[in-house]
PDB file of N, CA and C in Angstrom:
ATOM      1  N   UNK A   1      39.613  57.198 107.251  1.00  0.00           N
ATOM      2  CA  UNK A   1      40.404  56.889 106.474  1.00  0.00           C
ATOM      3  C   UNK A   1      40.116  55.770 105.454  1.00  0.00           C
ATOM      4  N   UNK A   2      40.755  54.990 104.665  1.00  0.00           N
ATOM      5  CA  UNK A   2      40.739  54.013 103.973  1.00  0.00           C
ATOM      6  C   UNK A   2      41.673  53.508 103.682  1.00  0.00           C
ATOM      7  N   UNK A   3      41.762  52.061 103.837  1.00  0.00           N
ATOM      8  CA  UNK A   3      43.504  51.250 103.359  1.00  0.00           C
ATOM      9  C   UNK A   3      43.633  50.656 102.515  1.00  0.00           C
ATOM     10  N   UNK A   4      44.721  51.001 101.597  1.00  0.00           N
ATOM     11  CA  UNK A   4      44.773  50.145 100.109  1.00  0.00           C
ATOM     12  C   UNK A   4      46.129  49.264 100.502  1.00  0.00           C
ATOM     13  N   UNK A   5      45.217  48.056 100.118  1.00  0.00           N
ATOM     14  CA  UNK A   5      46.754  46.994 100.149  1.00  0.00           C
ATOM     15  C   UNK A   5      47.117  46.760  98.636  1.00  0.00           C
ATOM     16  N   UNK A   6      48.380  46.311  98.789  1.00  0.00           N
ATOM     17  CA  UNK A   6      49.162  45.997  97.535  1.00  0.00           C
ATOM     18  C   UNK A   6      50.515  44.848  97.524  1.00  0.00           C
ATOM     19  N   UNK A   7      49.954  44.247  97.062  1.00  0.00           N
ATOM     20  CA  UNK A   7      51.189  42.950  96.982  1.00  0.00           C
ATOM     21  C   UNK A   7      51.785  42.308  95.852  1.00  0.00           C
ATOM     22  N   UNK A   8      52.908  43.144  96.077  1.00  0.00           N
ATOM     23  CA  UNK A   8      53.835  42.930  95.094  1.00  0.00           C
ATOM     24  C   UNK A   8      53.515  44.465  93.550  1.00  0.00           C
ATOM     25  N   UNK A   9      53.089  45.219  94.157  1.00  0.00           N
ATOM     26  CA  UNK A   9      52.924  46.612  93.688  1.00  0.00           C
ATOM     27  C   UNK A   9      51.181  46.339  92.824  1.00  0.00           C
ATOM     28  N   UNK A  10      50.759  44.970  93.133  1.00  0.00           N
ATOM     29  CA  UNK A  10      49.309  44.454  92.721  1.00  0.00           C
ATOM     30  C   UNK A  10      48.139  45.039  94.045  1.00  0.00           C
ATOM     31  N   UNK A  11      47.205  45.602  93.788  1.00  0.00           N
ATOM     32  CA  UNK A  11      45.864  46.038  94.437  1.00  0.00           C
ATOM     33  C   UNK A  11      45.594  44.454  95.024  1.00  0.00           C
ATOM     34  N   UNK A  12      45.966  44.452  95.934  1.00  0.00           N
ATOM     35  CA  UNK A  12      44.763  42.861  96.615  1.00  0.00           C
ATOM     36  C   UNK A  12      43.560  43.494  97.764  1.00  0.00           C
ATOM     37  N   UNK A  13      42.411  42.536  98.143  1.00  0.00           N
ATOM     38  CA  UNK A  13      41.262  42.594  98.617  1.00  0.00           C
ATOM     39  C   UNK A  13      42.058  42.663  99.782  1.00  0.00           C
ATOM     40  N   UNK A  14      40.961  43.461 100.852  1.00  0.00           N
ATOM     41  CA  UNK A  14      41.266  43.014 102.195  1.00  0.00           C
ATOM     42  C   UNK A  14      40.893  41.286 102.645  1.00  0.00           C
ATOM     43  N   UNK A  15      39.755  40.818 102.039  1.00  0.00           N
ATOM     44  CA  UNK A  15      39.563  39.893 101.986  1.00  0.00           C
ATOM     45  C   UNK A  15      40.055  38.926 101.622  1.00  0.00           C
ATOM     46  N   UNK A  16      41.062  39.127 100.303  1.00  0.00           N
ATOM     47  CA  UNK A  16      41.951  38.329  99.968  1.00  0.00           C
ATOM     48  C   UNK A  16      43.025  38.295 100.611  1.00  0.00           C
ATOM     49  N   UNK A  17      43.312  39.280 101.060  1.00  0.00           N
ATOM     50  CA  UNK A  17      44.485  39.161 102.069  1.00  0.00           C
ATOM     51  C   UNK A  17      44.504  38.656 103.424  1.00  0.00           C
ATOM     52  N   UNK A  18      42.919  38.476 103.969  1.00  0.00           N
ATOM     53  CA  UNK A  18      42.763  37.597 105.409  1.00  0.00           C
ATOM     54  C   UNK A  18      42.678  36.220 104.899  1.00  0.00           C
ATOM     55  N   UNK A  19      42.137  35.969 103.756  1.00  0.00           N
ATOM     56  CA  UNK A  19      42.264  34.510 103.672  1.00  0.00           C
ATOM     57  C   UNK A  19      43.607  34.157 103.634  1.00  0.00           C
ATOM     58  N   UNK A  20      44.572  34.848 103.113  1.00  0.00           N
ATOM     59  CA  UNK A  20      45.541  34.656 102.720  1.00  0.00           C
ATOM     60  C   UNK A  20      46.668  34.475 104.431  1.00  0.00           C
ATOM     61  N   UNK A  21      46.105  35.252 104.843  1.00  0.00           N
ATOM     62  CA  UNK A  21      47.228  35.660 105.821  1.00  0.00           C
ATOM     63  C   UNK A  21      46.897  35.125 107.687  1.00  0.00           C
ATOM     64  N   UNK A  22      45.570  35.354 107.086  1.00  0.00           N
ATOM     65  CA  UNK A  22      44.413  35.620 108.702  1.00  0.00           C
ATOM     66  C   UNK A  22      44.251  36.997 109.165  1.00  0.00           C
ATOM     67  N   UNK A  23      43.328  37.013 109.762  1.00  0.00           N
ATOM     68  CA  UNK A  23      42.377  38.285 109.959  1.00  0.00           C
ATOM     69  C   UNK A  23      43.204  39.090 111.355  1.00  0.00           C
ATOM     70  N   UNK A  24      43.916  38.426 112.435  1.00  0.00           N
ATOM     71  CA  UNK A  24      44.913  38.684 113.250  1.00  0.00           C
ATOM     72  C   UNK A  24      46.117  39.619 112.288  1.00  0.00           C
ATOM     73  N   UNK A  25      46.764  38.785 111.933  1.00  0.00           N
ATOM     74  CA  UNK A  25      47.872  38.961 111.162  1.00  0.00           C
ATOM     75  C   UNK A  25      47.113  40.436 110.411  1.00  0.00           C
ATOM     76  N   UNK A  26      46.572  40.707 109.760  1.00  0.00           N
ATOM     77  CA  UNK A  26      46.044  41.854 108.768  1.00  0.00           C
ATOM     78  C   UNK A  26      45.620  42.835 110.012  1.00  0.00           C
ATOM     79  N   UNK A  27      45.143  42.808 110.452  1.00  0.00           N
ATOM     80  CA  UNK A  27      44.910  43.800 111.270  1.00  0.00           C
ATOM     81  C   UNK A  27      45.904  44.541 112.161  1.00  0.00           C
ATOM     82  N   UNK A  28      47.046  43.516 112.372  1.00  0.00           N
ATOM     83  CA  UNK A  28      48.064  43.897 113.173  1.00  0.00           C
ATOM     84  C   UNK A  28      48.669  44.466 112.867  1.00  0.00           C
ATOM     85  N   UNK A  29      48.818  44.574 111.172  1.00  0.00           N
ATOM     86  CA  UNK A  29      49.665  45.223 110.440  1.00  0.00           C
ATOM     87  C   UNK A  29      49.166  46.308 109.863  1.00  0.00           C
ATOM     88  N   UNK A  30      47.883  46.766 109.758  1.00  0.00           N
ATOM     89  CA  UNK A  30      47.205  47.629 109.280  1.00  0.00           C
ATOM     90  C   UNK A  30      47.473  48.906 110.663  1.00  0.00           C
ATOM     91  N   UNK A  31      47.164  47.997 111.869  1.00  0.00           N
ATOM     92  CA  UNK A  31      46.973  48.945 113.045  1.00  0.00           C
ATOM     93  C   UNK A  31      48.562  49.745 113.090  1.00  0.00           C
ATOM     94  N   UNK A  32      49.641  49.169 112.872  1.00  0.00           N
ATOM     95  CA  UNK A  32      51.078  49.395 112.948  1.00  0.00           C
ATOM     96  C   UNK A  32      51.133  50.082 111.998  1.00  0.00           C
ATOM     97  N   UNK A  33      50.364  50.294 110.432  1.00  0.00           N
ATOM     98  CA  UNK A  33      51.271  50.985 109.627  1.00  0.00           C
ATOM     99  C   UNK A  33      50.270  52.478 109.804  1.00  0.00           C
ATOM    100  N   UNK A  34      48.947  52.328 110.591  1.00  0.00           N
ATOM    101  CA  UNK A  34      48.313  53.555 110.881  1.00  0.00           C
ATOM    102  C   UNK A  34      48.857  54.363 111.937  1.00  0.00           C
ATOM    103  N   UNK A  35      49.533  53.442 112.996  1.00  0.00           N
ATOM    104  CA  UNK A  35      50.406  54.298 113.628  1.00  0.00           C
ATOM    105  C   UNK A  35      51.799  55.046 113.176  1.00  0.00           C
ATOM    106  N   UNK A  36      52.313  54.523 112.287  1.00  0.00           N
ATOM    107  CA  UNK A  36      53.437  54.909 111.661  1.00  0.00           C
ATOM    108  C   UNK A  36      52.997  55.862 110.775  1.00  0.00           C
ATOM    109  N   UNK A  37      51.949  55.633 110.067  1.00  0.00           N
ATOM    110  CA  UNK A  37      51.502  57.149 109.170  1.00  0.00           C
ATOM    111  C   UNK A  37      50.976  58.178 109.860  1.00  0.00           C
ATOM    112  N   UNK A  38      50.512  58.313 111.218  1.00  0.00           N
ATOM    113  CA  UNK A  38      49.711  59.064 111.736  1.00  0.00           C
ATOM    114  C   UNK A  38      51.335  60.124 112.283  1.00  0.00           C
ATOM    115  N   UNK A  39      52.522  59.122 112.613  1.00  0.00           N
ATOM    116  CA  UNK A  39      53.650  59.706 113.196  1.00  0.00           C
ATOM    117  C   UNK A  39      54.372  60.456 111.835  1.00  0.00           C
ATOM    118  N   UNK A  40      54.541  60.159 110.379  1.00  0.00           N
ATOM    119  CA  UNK A  40      54.956  60.363 109.465  1.00  0.00           C
ATOM    120  C   UNK A  40      53.995  60.264 108.157  1.00  0.00           C
ATOM    121  N   UNK A  41      53.638  60.895 107.732  1.00  0.00           N
ATOM    122  CA  UNK A  41      52.621  60.650 106.372  1.00  0.00           C
ATOM    123  C   UNK A  41      53.175  60.282 105.501  1.00  0.00           C
ATOM    124  N   UNK A  42      54.356  60.483 105.352  1.00  0.00           N
ATOM    125  CA  UNK A  42      55.287  60.652 103.800  1.00  0.00           C
ATOM    126  C   UNK A  42      56.094  59.068 103.888  1.00  0.00           C
ATOM    127  N   UNK A  43      55.992  58.117 105.199  1.00  0.00           N
ATOM    128  CA  UNK A  43      56.375  57.136 104.925  1.00  0.00           C
ATOM    129  C   UNK A  43      55.778  56.049 104.480  1.00  0.00           C
ATOM    130  N   UNK A  44      56.906  54.675 103.817  1.00  0.00           N
ATOM    131  CA  UNK A  44      56.073  54.012 103.127  1.00  0.00           C
ATOM    132  C   UNK A  44      56.310  52.532 104.081  1.00  0.00           C
ATOM    133  N   UNK A  45      54.996  52.308 104.296  1.00  0.00           N
ATOM    134  CA  UNK A  45      54.490  51.022 105.142  1.00  0.00           C
ATOM    135  C   UNK A  45      54.848  49.505 104.177  1.00  0.00           C
ATOM    136  N   UNK A  46      55.612  48.910 104.180  1.00  0.00           N
ATOM    137  CA  UNK A  46      55.821  47.950 103.222  1.00  0.00           C
ATOM    138  C   UNK A  46      56.032  46.585 104.350  1.00  0.00           C
ATOM    139  N   UNK A  47      55.870  45.602 104.432  1.00  0.00           N
ATOM    140  CA  UNK A  47      56.232  44.368 105.346  1.00  0.00           C
ATOM    141  C   UNK A  47      55.932  43.098 104.355  1.00  0.00           C
ATOM    142  N   UNK A  48      57.314  42.485 104.719  1.00  0.00           N
ATOM    143  CA  UNK A  48      57.446  41.463 103.699  1.00  0.00           C
ATOM    144  C   UNK A  48      56.778  40.035 104.405  1.00  0.00           C
ATOM    145  N   UNK A  49      55.911  39.361 104.146  1.00  0.00           N
ATOM    146  CA  UNK A  49      54.970  38.236 104.432  1.00  0.00           C
ATOM    147  C   UNK A  49      55.411  37.067 103.347  1.00  0.00           C
ATOM    148  N   UNK A  50      56.439  36.636 103.209  1.00  0.00           N
ATOM    149  CA  UNK A  50      56.952  35.511 103.055  1.00  0.00           C
ATOM    150  C   UNK A  50      56.295  35.003 101.226  1.00  0.00           C
ATOM    151  N   UNK A  51      55.385  35.923 100.760  1.00  0.00           N
ATOM    152  CA  UNK A  51      54.418  35.807  99.638  1.00  0.00           C
ATOM    153  C   UNK A  51      55.039  36.636  98.859  1.00  0.00           C
ATOM    154  N   UNK A  52      55.783  37.830  99.011  1.00  0.00           N
ATOM    155  CA  UNK A  52      55.822  39.058  98.422  1.00  0.00           C
ATOM    156  C   UNK A  52      55.947  40.456 100.031  1.00  0.00           C
ATOM    157  N   UNK A  53      55.724  41.361  99.366  1.00  0.00           N
ATOM    158  CA  UNK A  53      56.235  42.914  99.856  1.00  0.00           C
ATOM    159  C   UNK A  53      54.407  43.190  99.927  1.00  0.00           C
ATOM    160  N   UNK A  54      54.235  43.466 101.296  1.00  0.00           N
ATOM    161  CA  UNK A  54      52.968  44.150 101.263  1.00  0.00           C
ATOM    162  C   UNK A  54      52.979  45.527 101.434  1.00  0.00           C
ATOM    163  N   UNK A  55      52.360  46.709 100.515  1.00  0.00           N
ATOM    164  CA  UNK A  55      52.067  47.770 101.166  1.00  0.00           C
ATOM    165  C   UNK A  55      51.042  48.242 101.606  1.00  0.00           C
ATOM    166  N   UNK A  56      51.142  48.887 102.364  1.00  0.00           N
ATOM    167  CA  UNK A  56      49.728  49.477 103.031  1.00  0.00           C
ATOM    168  C   UNK A  56      49.842  51.004 102.766  1.00  0.00           C
ATOM    169  N   UNK A  57      48.932  51.791 102.417  1.00  0.00           N
ATOM    170  CA  UNK A  57      48.654  52.581 102.231  1.00  0.00           C
ATOM    171  C   UNK A  57      47.020  53.381 102.910  1.00  0.00           C
ATOM    172  N   UNK A  58      47.223  54.766 102.693  1.00  0.00           N
ATOM    173  CA  UNK A  58      46.061  55.000 103.593  1.00  0.00           C
ATOM    174  C   UNK A  58      45.130  56.467 102.717  1.00  0.00           C
ATOM    175  N   UNK A  59      43.945  56.174 102.187  1.00  0.00           N
ATOM    176  CA  UNK A  59      43.610  57.553 101.359  1.00  0.00           C
ATOM    177  C   UNK A  59      42.379  57.730 101.993  1.00  0.00           C
ATOM    178  N   UNK A  60      41.786  59.277 101.911  1.00  0.00           N
ATOM    179  CA  UNK A  60      40.583  59.779 102.193  1.00  0.00           C
ATOM    180  C   UNK A  60      39.101  59.505 101.485  1.00  0.00           C
TER     181      UNK A  60
END
């Protein structure tokens, strides 16, 4: 599955997000979002990161 990142509703690349937050933080949030999605596919994975709301969704 492919991870789609949105910052305040606008798509952002993983590379740009990594530069903004750091690779470990992006990896941690993606892993947490994946785990939550596997438990309940309808849940919205939002994280407040200080620069706005980050939403992570997964697509086939």
